[in-house]
Amino acid sequence: MNLQKGLYRKRQIAFGGLFKQIKKELELDDIENGDLINLGDEDSPISDGEVISVLWNHERQNYYVR
């Protein structure tokens, strides 16, 4: 009964199973020992991206794209 009360309305997350499979497919480095900055994709050009301006319309109580 105490365990049930302690876990009531708590989100329990486990990083196993599907997460381990996805990590293997993506061939990600280890968080503690891996190189998280240099991923080996230096040959690909850097994207300029896209800038989108969004403003809040107080009368409509919603955002709109400018």
N, C-alpha and C. Protein backbone atom coordinates (compact mmCIF):
# COMPACT_ATOMS: atom_id res chain seq x y z
N MET A 1 0.82 -1.19 0.00
CA MET A 1 0.00 0.00 0.00
C MET A 1 0.87 1.26 0.00
N ASN A 2 1.99 1.28 0.75
CA ASN A 2 2.86 2.43 0.78
C ASN A 2 3.52 2.67 -0.57
N LEU A 3 3.89 1.58 -1.26
CA LEU A 3 4.48 1.70 -2.59
C LEU A 3 3.47 2.31 -3.56
N GLN A 4 2.23 1.89 -3.46
CA GLN A 4 1.19 2.43 -4.33
C GLN A 4 0.99 3.92 -4.07
N LYS A 5 0.99 4.34 -2.82
CA LYS A 5 0.85 5.76 -2.49
C LYS A 5 2.07 6.55 -2.94
N GLY A 6 3.25 5.96 -2.80
CA GLY A 6 4.47 6.65 -3.20
C GLY A 6 4.58 6.86 -4.70
N LEU A 7 4.04 5.93 -5.47
CA LEU A 7 4.11 6.03 -6.93
C LEU A 7 2.89 6.71 -7.54
N TYR A 8 1.92 7.09 -6.73
CA TYR A 8 0.70 7.71 -7.24
C TYR A 8 1.04 9.03 -7.93
N ARG A 9 0.57 9.19 -9.17
CA ARG A 9 0.74 10.39 -10.00
C ARG A 9 2.20 10.73 -10.27
N LYS A 10 3.05 9.72 -10.35
CA LYS A 10 4.45 9.90 -10.69
C LYS A 10 4.68 9.26 -12.05
N ARG A 11 5.50 9.89 -12.85
CA ARG A 11 5.85 9.32 -14.15
C ARG A 11 7.13 8.52 -13.98
N GLN A 12 7.07 7.27 -14.32
CA GLN A 12 8.22 6.38 -14.20
C GLN A 12 8.80 6.18 -15.60
N ILE A 13 10.05 6.55 -15.77
CA ILE A 13 10.70 6.44 -17.07
C ILE A 13 11.87 5.49 -16.96
N ALA A 14 11.96 4.55 -17.87
CA ALA A 14 13.08 3.61 -17.92
C ALA A 14 13.76 3.75 -19.27
N PHE A 15 15.08 3.81 -19.25
CA PHE A 15 15.84 3.93 -20.49
C PHE A 15 16.44 2.57 -20.84
N GLY A 16 15.62 1.72 -21.34
CA GLY A 16 16.05 0.39 -21.75
C GLY A 16 15.23 -0.02 -22.94
N GLY A 17 15.42 -1.23 -23.38
CA GLY A 17 14.62 -1.77 -24.47
C GLY A 17 14.70 -0.97 -25.74
N LEU A 18 13.65 -0.22 -26.04
CA LEU A 18 13.56 0.54 -27.28
C LEU A 18 14.63 1.61 -27.36
N PHE A 19 14.94 2.29 -26.24
CA PHE A 19 15.97 3.32 -26.25
C PHE A 19 17.34 2.73 -26.58
N LYS A 20 17.65 1.55 -26.03
CA LYS A 20 18.93 0.91 -26.34
C LYS A 20 19.01 0.54 -27.81
N GLN A 21 17.90 0.08 -28.37
CA GLN A 21 17.87 -0.29 -29.79
C GLN A 21 18.09 0.94 -30.66
N ILE A 22 17.45 2.05 -30.35
CA ILE A 22 17.60 3.28 -31.12
C ILE A 22 19.02 3.80 -31.01
N LYS A 23 19.62 3.71 -29.83
CA LYS A 23 21.01 4.16 -29.65
C LYS A 23 21.95 3.35 -30.52
N LYS A 24 21.73 2.05 -30.62
CA LYS A 24 22.57 1.21 -31.48
C LYS A 24 22.39 1.58 -32.94
N GLU A 25 21.15 1.85 -33.36
CA GLU A 25 20.90 2.21 -34.76
C GLU A 25 21.53 3.54 -35.12
N LEU A 26 21.52 4.49 -34.19
CA LEU A 26 22.09 5.81 -34.45
C LEU A 26 23.59 5.85 -34.22
N GLU A 27 24.14 4.80 -33.61
CA GLU A 27 25.57 4.71 -33.29
C GLU A 27 26.04 5.94 -32.52
N LEU A 28 25.34 6.27 -31.45
CA LEU A 28 25.67 7.42 -30.63
C LEU A 28 26.81 7.10 -29.68
N ASP A 29 27.61 8.13 -29.34
CA ASP A 29 28.68 7.97 -28.37
C ASP A 29 28.10 7.90 -26.97
N ASP A 30 28.91 7.37 -26.08
CA ASP A 30 28.54 7.32 -24.67
C ASP A 30 28.54 8.73 -24.10
N ILE A 31 27.59 9.05 -23.25
CA ILE A 31 27.48 10.39 -22.68
C ILE A 31 28.69 10.74 -21.84
N GLU A 32 29.17 9.80 -21.04
CA GLU A 32 30.29 10.06 -20.13
C GLU A 32 31.62 10.13 -20.86
N ASN A 33 31.87 9.23 -21.82
CA ASN A 33 33.19 9.12 -22.43
C ASN A 33 33.23 9.53 -23.90
N GLY A 34 32.11 9.78 -24.51
CA GLY A 34 32.06 10.06 -25.95
C GLY A 34 32.35 11.51 -26.28
N ASP A 35 32.67 11.74 -27.57
CA ASP A 35 32.91 13.09 -28.08
C ASP A 35 31.57 13.62 -28.58
N LEU A 36 30.95 14.50 -27.81
CA LEU A 36 29.62 15.00 -28.14
C LEU A 36 29.66 16.25 -29.00
N ILE A 37 30.86 16.81 -29.25
CA ILE A 37 30.97 18.03 -30.05
C ILE A 37 31.30 17.70 -31.49
N ASN A 38 32.34 16.93 -31.72
CA ASN A 38 32.75 16.56 -33.08
C ASN A 38 32.09 15.25 -33.44
N LEU A 39 31.11 15.31 -34.31
CA LEU A 39 30.35 14.12 -34.67
C LEU A 39 30.86 13.45 -35.93
N GLY A 40 31.88 14.03 -36.58
CA GLY A 40 32.44 13.42 -37.77
C GLY A 40 31.76 13.85 -39.05
N ASP A 41 30.90 14.85 -39.02
CA ASP A 41 30.20 15.33 -40.21
C ASP A 41 30.76 16.66 -40.67
N GLU A 42 32.08 16.86 -40.54
CA GLU A 42 32.67 18.15 -40.90
C GLU A 42 32.62 18.42 -42.41
N ASP A 43 32.48 17.38 -43.22
CA ASP A 43 32.46 17.56 -44.67
C ASP A 43 31.16 18.19 -45.16
N SER A 44 30.08 18.01 -44.43
CA SER A 44 28.80 18.55 -44.87
C SER A 44 28.74 20.05 -44.57
N PRO A 45 28.21 20.86 -45.51
CA PRO A 45 28.13 22.31 -45.29
C PRO A 45 27.11 22.65 -44.21
N ILE A 46 27.34 23.76 -43.54
CA ILE A 46 26.43 24.21 -42.49
C ILE A 46 25.25 24.92 -43.14
N SER A 47 24.07 24.57 -42.72
CA SER A 47 22.85 25.17 -43.26
C SER A 47 22.68 26.58 -42.72
N ASP A 48 22.21 27.50 -43.58
CA ASP A 48 21.93 28.86 -43.14
C ASP A 48 20.66 28.93 -42.31
N GLY A 49 19.80 27.96 -42.48
CA GLY A 49 18.56 27.93 -41.72
C GLY A 49 17.53 28.89 -42.28
N GLU A 50 16.51 29.16 -41.50
CA GLU A 50 15.43 30.04 -41.92
C GLU A 50 14.95 30.81 -40.70
N VAL A 51 14.72 32.10 -40.87
CA VAL A 51 14.25 32.94 -39.78
C VAL A 51 12.76 33.22 -39.98
N ILE A 52 11.98 32.96 -38.95
CA ILE A 52 10.54 33.20 -39.00
C ILE A 52 10.20 34.15 -37.86
N SER A 53 9.54 35.26 -38.17
CA SER A 53 9.11 36.21 -37.14
C SER A 53 7.66 35.93 -36.78
N VAL A 54 7.42 35.72 -35.50
CA VAL A 54 6.08 35.44 -35.01
C VAL A 54 5.77 36.47 -33.93
N LEU A 55 4.62 37.11 -34.06
CA LEU A 55 4.21 38.14 -33.10
C LEU A 55 2.92 37.73 -32.41
N TRP A 56 2.72 38.24 -31.20
CA TRP A 56 1.52 37.96 -30.43
C TRP A 56 0.48 39.04 -30.72
N ASN A 57 -0.73 38.63 -31.11
CA ASN A 57 -1.84 39.53 -31.33
C ASN A 57 -2.71 39.51 -30.08
N HIS A 58 -2.68 40.61 -29.33
CA HIS A 58 -3.39 40.67 -28.05
C HIS A 58 -4.90 40.60 -28.24
N GLU A 59 -5.42 41.21 -29.29
CA GLU A 59 -6.87 41.21 -29.51
C GLU A 59 -7.38 39.82 -29.83
N ARG A 60 -6.65 39.07 -30.64
CA ARG A 60 -7.07 37.71 -31.01
C ARG A 60 -6.58 36.66 -30.02
N GLN A 61 -5.68 37.05 -29.12
CA GLN A 61 -5.09 36.12 -28.16
C GLN A 61 -4.44 34.93 -28.87
N ASN A 62 -3.65 35.26 -29.89
CA ASN A 62 -3.00 34.21 -30.66
C ASN A 62 -1.76 34.79 -31.33
N TYR A 63 -0.88 33.91 -31.79
CA TYR A 63 0.31 34.32 -32.53
C TYR A 63 -0.01 34.42 -34.01
N TYR A 64 0.73 35.26 -34.72
CA TYR A 64 0.64 35.28 -36.18
C TYR A 64 2.03 35.47 -36.76
N VAL A 65 2.21 34.91 -37.95
CA VAL A 65 3.50 34.97 -38.63
C VAL A 65 3.55 36.24 -39.43
N ARG A 66 4.63 36.98 -39.28
CA ARG A 66 4.78 38.24 -39.99
C ARG A 66 5.45 38.03 -41.30
